[in-house]
Each structure stands twice: as C-alpha cells, then as structure tokens.
Amino acid sequence: MVFVTIKTPPMGHDARREAGFLLRLLQEGEKLGMPHSRLMPRVGPSCHELRISDESQSWRIIYHIDADEIVVLDVFKKKAGRTDTATIERCRARLRAYQNAR
C-alpha cells in the first residue's frame, strides 16, 4: 500500500488537541456535522473536511471515511473562502492511490 507522510502542521497546542479529539470521535464511528465537519463531494464520496480553529488562523483536514478506517488526505492552513483546485486535485489523487492499493 502507498502512503503519503503528512507532517504535523504548526498548529497551536489547543488546535492539535481538538484535531486529535475529533479524529478519535471519527475513529469510534461518530458522525460529525457543522461546525466541526462538512461534506467535500468535490473530492469524492465519503470525503469530509474537519474545521479546526487556532489562535489566529483556521486549519482544515480533508479525510475519507472507509468501512474500517479514516484516511487523512491533506492538512492545510485555510486562507480563502473556497478550497483551491490544487488542494482538491491533490486529495483526489491521494484518494485514488488509496483505493487502488486496497
């Protein structure tokens, strides 16, 4: 299986804890909605965006929910109102690589 390493972004301590807490809820099968998570159909089916607020910036974690795992596709600082096309394409490519490896 092909994996891409995503380094821990320079989030503040509280933002990292919130991200970890929300990812744990997802691993345990909870369905998250707004304001924490929203669907990202532009990326693919069962893809979502976690919304993490830090002291002065917002972070996003794009993830895919599979039957038995949560696949993190990207983590980035949110700079604009809409997720840029390059990020969407990168997430789509990573999702395809994951699905092909399964």
N, C-alpha and C. Protein backbone atom coordinates (compact mmCIF):
# COMPACT_ATOMS: atom_id res chain seq x y z
N MET A 1 0.84 -1.17 0.00
CA MET A 1 0.00 0.00 0.00
C MET A 1 0.89 1.24 0.00
N VAL A 2 0.50 2.26 -0.73
CA VAL A 2 1.25 3.50 -0.83
C VAL A 2 0.72 4.48 0.20
N PHE A 3 1.62 5.04 0.98
CA PHE A 3 1.23 6.03 1.98
C PHE A 3 1.99 7.31 1.74
N VAL A 4 1.35 8.42 2.01
CA VAL A 4 1.98 9.72 1.93
C VAL A 4 2.13 10.21 3.36
N THR A 5 3.30 10.69 3.69
CA THR A 5 3.52 11.22 5.03
C THR A 5 3.04 12.66 5.09
N ILE A 6 2.18 12.94 6.05
CA ILE A 6 1.73 14.30 6.29
C ILE A 6 2.32 14.72 7.62
N LYS A 7 3.19 15.72 7.59
CA LYS A 7 3.83 16.18 8.81
C LYS A 7 2.84 16.97 9.65
N THR A 8 3.06 16.97 10.95
CA THR A 8 2.21 17.73 11.85
C THR A 8 2.36 19.21 11.53
N PRO A 9 1.26 19.87 11.19
CA PRO A 9 1.36 21.30 10.88
C PRO A 9 1.63 22.10 12.15
N PRO A 10 2.09 23.32 11.98
CA PRO A 10 2.42 24.13 13.16
C PRO A 10 1.20 24.72 13.85
N MET A 11 0.24 23.87 14.14
CA MET A 11 -0.95 24.30 14.89
C MET A 11 -0.54 24.57 16.34
N GLY A 12 -1.31 25.40 16.99
CA GLY A 12 -1.13 25.61 18.41
C GLY A 12 -1.54 24.36 19.19
N HIS A 13 -1.16 24.29 20.44
CA HIS A 13 -1.43 23.13 21.29
C HIS A 13 -2.93 22.80 21.34
N ASP A 14 -3.77 23.80 21.57
CA ASP A 14 -5.21 23.55 21.68
C ASP A 14 -5.81 23.06 20.37
N ALA A 15 -5.32 23.59 19.25
CA ALA A 15 -5.82 23.16 17.95
C ALA A 15 -5.43 21.70 17.67
N ARG A 16 -4.19 21.32 18.04
CA ARG A 16 -3.77 19.92 17.87
C ARG A 16 -4.62 18.99 18.71
N ARG A 17 -4.91 19.41 19.93
CA ARG A 17 -5.76 18.59 20.81
C ARG A 17 -7.16 18.44 20.24
N GLU A 18 -7.72 19.54 19.72
CA GLU A 18 -9.05 19.48 19.12
C GLU A 18 -9.06 18.56 17.90
N ALA A 19 -8.05 18.67 17.05
CA ALA A 19 -7.96 17.81 15.87
C ALA A 19 -7.88 16.35 16.29
N GLY A 20 -7.05 16.05 17.27
CA GLY A 20 -6.92 14.68 17.76
C GLY A 20 -8.22 14.16 18.35
N PHE A 21 -8.90 15.00 19.11
CA PHE A 21 -10.18 14.62 19.72
C PHE A 21 -11.22 14.31 18.64
N LEU A 22 -11.31 15.19 17.63
CA LEU A 22 -12.30 14.98 16.57
C LEU A 22 -11.97 13.75 15.73
N LEU A 23 -10.69 13.53 15.45
CA LEU A 23 -10.30 12.32 14.70
C LEU A 23 -10.61 11.06 15.50
N ARG A 24 -10.42 11.11 16.80
CA ARG A 24 -10.75 9.96 17.65
C ARG A 24 -12.25 9.67 17.59
N LEU A 25 -13.08 10.71 17.65
CA LEU A 25 -14.53 10.51 17.54
C LEU A 25 -14.88 9.83 16.22
N LEU A 26 -14.25 10.28 15.15
CA LEU A 26 -14.49 9.67 13.84
C LEU A 26 -14.07 8.20 13.83
N GLN A 27 -12.93 7.89 14.44
CA GLN A 27 -12.46 6.51 14.51
C GLN A 27 -13.44 5.63 15.27
N GLU A 28 -14.11 6.23 16.24
CA GLU A 28 -15.07 5.48 17.05
C GLU A 28 -16.44 5.38 16.37
N GLY A 29 -16.56 5.92 15.17
CA GLY A 29 -17.79 5.79 14.40
C GLY A 29 -18.78 6.93 14.52
N GLU A 30 -18.41 8.00 15.23
CA GLU A 30 -19.31 9.15 15.34
C GLU A 30 -19.41 9.87 14.00
N LYS A 31 -20.56 10.40 13.72
CA LYS A 31 -20.77 11.22 12.53
C LYS A 31 -20.73 12.68 13.00
N LEU A 32 -19.81 13.43 12.44
CA LEU A 32 -19.67 14.84 12.80
C LEU A 32 -20.32 15.71 11.74
N GLY A 33 -20.92 16.78 12.17
CA GLY A 33 -21.52 17.75 11.25
C GLY A 33 -20.97 19.14 11.54
N MET A 34 -21.60 20.13 10.98
CA MET A 34 -21.18 21.52 11.21
C MET A 34 -21.37 21.85 12.68
N PRO A 35 -20.51 22.62 13.26
CA PRO A 35 -19.44 23.41 12.65
C PRO A 35 -18.10 22.67 12.56
N HIS A 36 -18.03 21.43 13.02
CA HIS A 36 -16.75 20.71 13.05
C HIS A 36 -16.38 20.08 11.71
N SER A 37 -17.36 19.60 10.97
CA SER A 37 -17.06 18.86 9.75
C SER A 37 -18.13 19.14 8.71
N ARG A 38 -17.71 19.11 7.44
CA ARG A 38 -18.68 19.24 6.36
C ARG A 38 -18.28 18.32 5.22
N LEU A 39 -19.26 17.92 4.43
CA LEU A 39 -19.01 17.06 3.29
C LEU A 39 -18.15 17.77 2.25
N MET A 40 -17.32 17.00 1.55
CA MET A 40 -16.49 17.53 0.47
C MET A 40 -16.71 16.67 -0.78
N PRO A 41 -17.90 16.74 -1.38
CA PRO A 41 -18.17 15.91 -2.56
C PRO A 41 -17.26 16.22 -3.74
N ARG A 42 -16.66 17.41 -3.77
CA ARG A 42 -15.72 17.74 -4.85
C ARG A 42 -14.50 16.83 -4.82
N VAL A 43 -14.15 16.31 -3.63
CA VAL A 43 -13.01 15.40 -3.50
C VAL A 43 -13.44 13.98 -3.89
N GLY A 44 -14.55 13.53 -3.33
CA GLY A 44 -15.02 12.18 -3.62
C GLY A 44 -16.08 11.76 -2.63
N PRO A 45 -16.65 10.57 -2.85
CA PRO A 45 -17.67 10.07 -1.92
C PRO A 45 -17.07 9.81 -0.54
N SER A 46 -17.85 10.07 0.47
CA SER A 46 -17.45 9.87 1.87
C SER A 46 -16.23 10.71 2.25
N CYS A 47 -16.03 11.84 1.58
CA CYS A 47 -14.93 12.75 1.93
C CYS A 47 -15.51 13.95 2.67
N HIS A 48 -14.75 14.40 3.65
CA HIS A 48 -15.19 15.47 4.53
C HIS A 48 -14.02 16.39 4.84
N GLU A 49 -14.36 17.52 5.45
CA GLU A 49 -13.36 18.49 5.86
C GLU A 49 -13.56 18.81 7.33
N LEU A 50 -12.55 18.52 8.15
CA LEU A 50 -12.59 18.94 9.55
C LEU A 50 -12.18 20.40 9.60
N ARG A 51 -12.85 21.17 10.43
CA ARG A 51 -12.59 22.60 10.55
C ARG A 51 -12.03 22.86 11.94
N ILE A 52 -10.77 23.25 12.00
CA ILE A 52 -10.08 23.47 13.27
C ILE A 52 -9.69 24.94 13.36
N SER A 53 -10.08 25.60 14.44
CA SER A 53 -9.70 27.00 14.64
C SER A 53 -8.52 27.07 15.59
N ASP A 54 -7.54 27.87 15.20
CA ASP A 54 -6.36 28.12 16.02
C ASP A 54 -6.46 29.56 16.50
N GLU A 55 -5.45 30.02 17.21
CA GLU A 55 -5.47 31.37 17.77
C GLU A 55 -5.79 32.43 16.72
N SER A 56 -5.08 32.41 15.59
CA SER A 56 -5.28 33.46 14.59
C SER A 56 -5.53 32.92 13.19
N GLN A 57 -5.69 31.61 13.06
CA GLN A 57 -5.90 31.04 11.73
C GLN A 57 -6.78 29.80 11.81
N SER A 58 -7.22 29.38 10.65
CA SER A 58 -8.06 28.18 10.56
C SER A 58 -7.30 27.10 9.81
N TRP A 59 -7.50 25.87 10.24
CA TRP A 59 -6.89 24.70 9.62
C TRP A 59 -7.98 23.80 9.09
N ARG A 60 -7.62 23.03 8.06
CA ARG A 60 -8.54 22.06 7.51
C ARG A 60 -7.84 20.71 7.39
N ILE A 61 -8.59 19.66 7.68
CA ILE A 61 -8.12 18.29 7.49
C ILE A 61 -9.13 17.62 6.57
N ILE A 62 -8.69 17.29 5.37
CA ILE A 62 -9.56 16.59 4.43
C ILE A 62 -9.39 15.10 4.70
N TYR A 63 -10.52 14.39 4.90
CA TYR A 63 -10.44 12.97 5.21
C TYR A 63 -11.53 12.20 4.48
N HIS A 64 -11.29 10.90 4.38
CA HIS A 64 -12.22 9.97 3.74
C HIS A 64 -12.61 8.92 4.78
N ILE A 65 -13.89 8.64 4.87
CA ILE A 65 -14.37 7.60 5.78
C ILE A 65 -14.54 6.32 4.99
N ASP A 66 -13.79 5.29 5.37
CA ASP A 66 -13.93 3.98 4.76
C ASP A 66 -14.61 3.07 5.78
N ALA A 67 -14.90 1.87 5.38
CA ALA A 67 -15.63 0.95 6.26
C ALA A 67 -14.93 0.73 7.59
N ASP A 68 -13.60 0.67 7.58
CA ASP A 68 -12.89 0.34 8.81
C ASP A 68 -11.73 1.28 9.13
N GLU A 69 -11.68 2.44 8.47
CA GLU A 69 -10.61 3.38 8.77
C GLU A 69 -10.93 4.79 8.29
N ILE A 70 -10.24 5.74 8.89
CA ILE A 70 -10.31 7.14 8.48
C ILE A 70 -9.00 7.43 7.76
N VAL A 71 -9.10 7.93 6.53
CA VAL A 71 -7.92 8.20 5.71
C VAL A 71 -7.75 9.71 5.63
N VAL A 72 -6.66 10.24 6.19
CA VAL A 72 -6.37 11.67 6.11
C VAL A 72 -5.71 11.93 4.76
N LEU A 73 -6.34 12.80 3.98
CA LEU A 73 -5.85 13.09 2.63
C LEU A 73 -4.98 14.34 2.59
N ASP A 74 -5.25 15.31 3.46
CA ASP A 74 -4.43 16.53 3.49
C ASP A 74 -4.74 17.32 4.75
N VAL A 75 -3.76 18.12 5.16
CA VAL A 75 -3.89 19.05 6.28
C VAL A 75 -3.29 20.36 5.79
N PHE A 76 -4.04 21.44 5.94
CA PHE A 76 -3.54 22.72 5.45
C PHE A 76 -4.18 23.89 6.18
N LYS A 77 -3.51 25.04 6.07
CA LYS A 77 -4.00 26.29 6.62
C LYS A 77 -5.04 26.83 5.65
N LYS A 78 -6.19 27.19 6.17
CA LYS A 78 -7.25 27.74 5.32
C LYS A 78 -6.99 29.22 5.11
N LYS A 79 -6.88 29.62 3.84
CA LYS A 79 -6.56 31.01 3.54
C LYS A 79 -7.70 31.73 2.82
N ALA A 80 -8.52 31.00 2.11
CA ALA A 80 -9.58 31.63 1.32
C ALA A 80 -10.93 30.98 1.66
N GLY A 81 -11.98 31.56 1.14
CA GLY A 81 -13.31 31.04 1.42
C GLY A 81 -13.57 29.67 0.82
N ARG A 82 -12.96 29.39 -0.33
CA ARG A 82 -13.20 28.13 -1.02
C ARG A 82 -11.87 27.38 -1.13
N THR A 83 -11.91 26.08 -0.94
CA THR A 83 -10.69 25.27 -1.05
C THR A 83 -10.21 25.31 -2.50
N ASP A 84 -8.92 25.62 -2.69
CA ASP A 84 -8.39 25.80 -4.03
C ASP A 84 -8.35 24.49 -4.82
N THR A 85 -8.35 24.63 -6.13
CA THR A 85 -8.39 23.49 -7.04
C THR A 85 -7.19 22.56 -6.87
N ALA A 86 -6.01 23.13 -6.63
CA ALA A 86 -4.81 22.30 -6.46
C ALA A 86 -4.96 21.37 -5.26
N THR A 87 -5.51 21.86 -4.17
CA THR A 87 -5.72 21.03 -2.98
C THR A 87 -6.75 19.94 -3.27
N ILE A 88 -7.82 20.29 -3.95
CA ILE A 88 -8.85 19.29 -4.31
C ILE A 88 -8.24 18.20 -5.17
N GLU A 89 -7.46 18.58 -6.17
CA GLU A 89 -6.84 17.60 -7.07
C GLU A 89 -5.84 16.71 -6.32
N ARG A 90 -5.06 17.30 -5.41
CA ARG A 90 -4.10 16.52 -4.62
C ARG A 90 -4.85 15.49 -3.77
N CYS A 91 -5.96 15.90 -3.16
CA CYS A 91 -6.76 14.97 -2.34
C CYS A 91 -7.39 13.88 -3.20
N ARG A 92 -7.87 14.23 -4.38
CA ARG A 92 -8.44 13.23 -5.29
C ARG A 92 -7.39 12.19 -5.67
N ALA A 93 -6.18 12.66 -5.98
CA ALA A 93 -5.10 11.74 -6.37
C ALA A 93 -4.75 10.82 -5.21
N ARG A 94 -4.68 11.35 -4.01
CA ARG A 94 -4.37 10.52 -2.84
C ARG A 94 -5.48 9.52 -2.57
N LEU A 95 -6.73 9.94 -2.76
CA LEU A 95 -7.85 9.03 -2.57
C LEU A 95 -7.80 7.90 -3.60
N ARG A 96 -7.51 8.23 -4.86
CA ARG A 96 -7.38 7.20 -5.90
C ARG A 96 -6.26 6.23 -5.57
N ALA A 97 -5.13 6.75 -5.12
CA ALA A 97 -3.99 5.89 -4.77
C ALA A 97 -4.38 4.95 -3.63
N TYR A 98 -5.09 5.47 -2.65
CA TYR A 98 -5.55 4.64 -1.53
C TYR A 98 -6.50 3.55 -2.03
N GLN A 99 -7.47 3.93 -2.85
CA GLN A 99 -8.46 2.97 -3.33
C GLN A 99 -7.82 1.92 -4.24
N ASN A 100 -6.86 2.32 -5.06
CA ASN A 100 -6.17 1.35 -5.92
C ASN A 100 -5.32 0.38 -5.12
N ALA A 101 -4.79 0.82 -3.99
CA ALA A 101 -3.96 -0.04 -3.15
C ALA A 101 -4.78 -1.04 -2.35
N ARG A 102 -6.05 -0.75 -2.17
CA ARG A 102 -6.91 -1.67 -1.41
C ARG A 102 -7.26 -2.80 -2.27
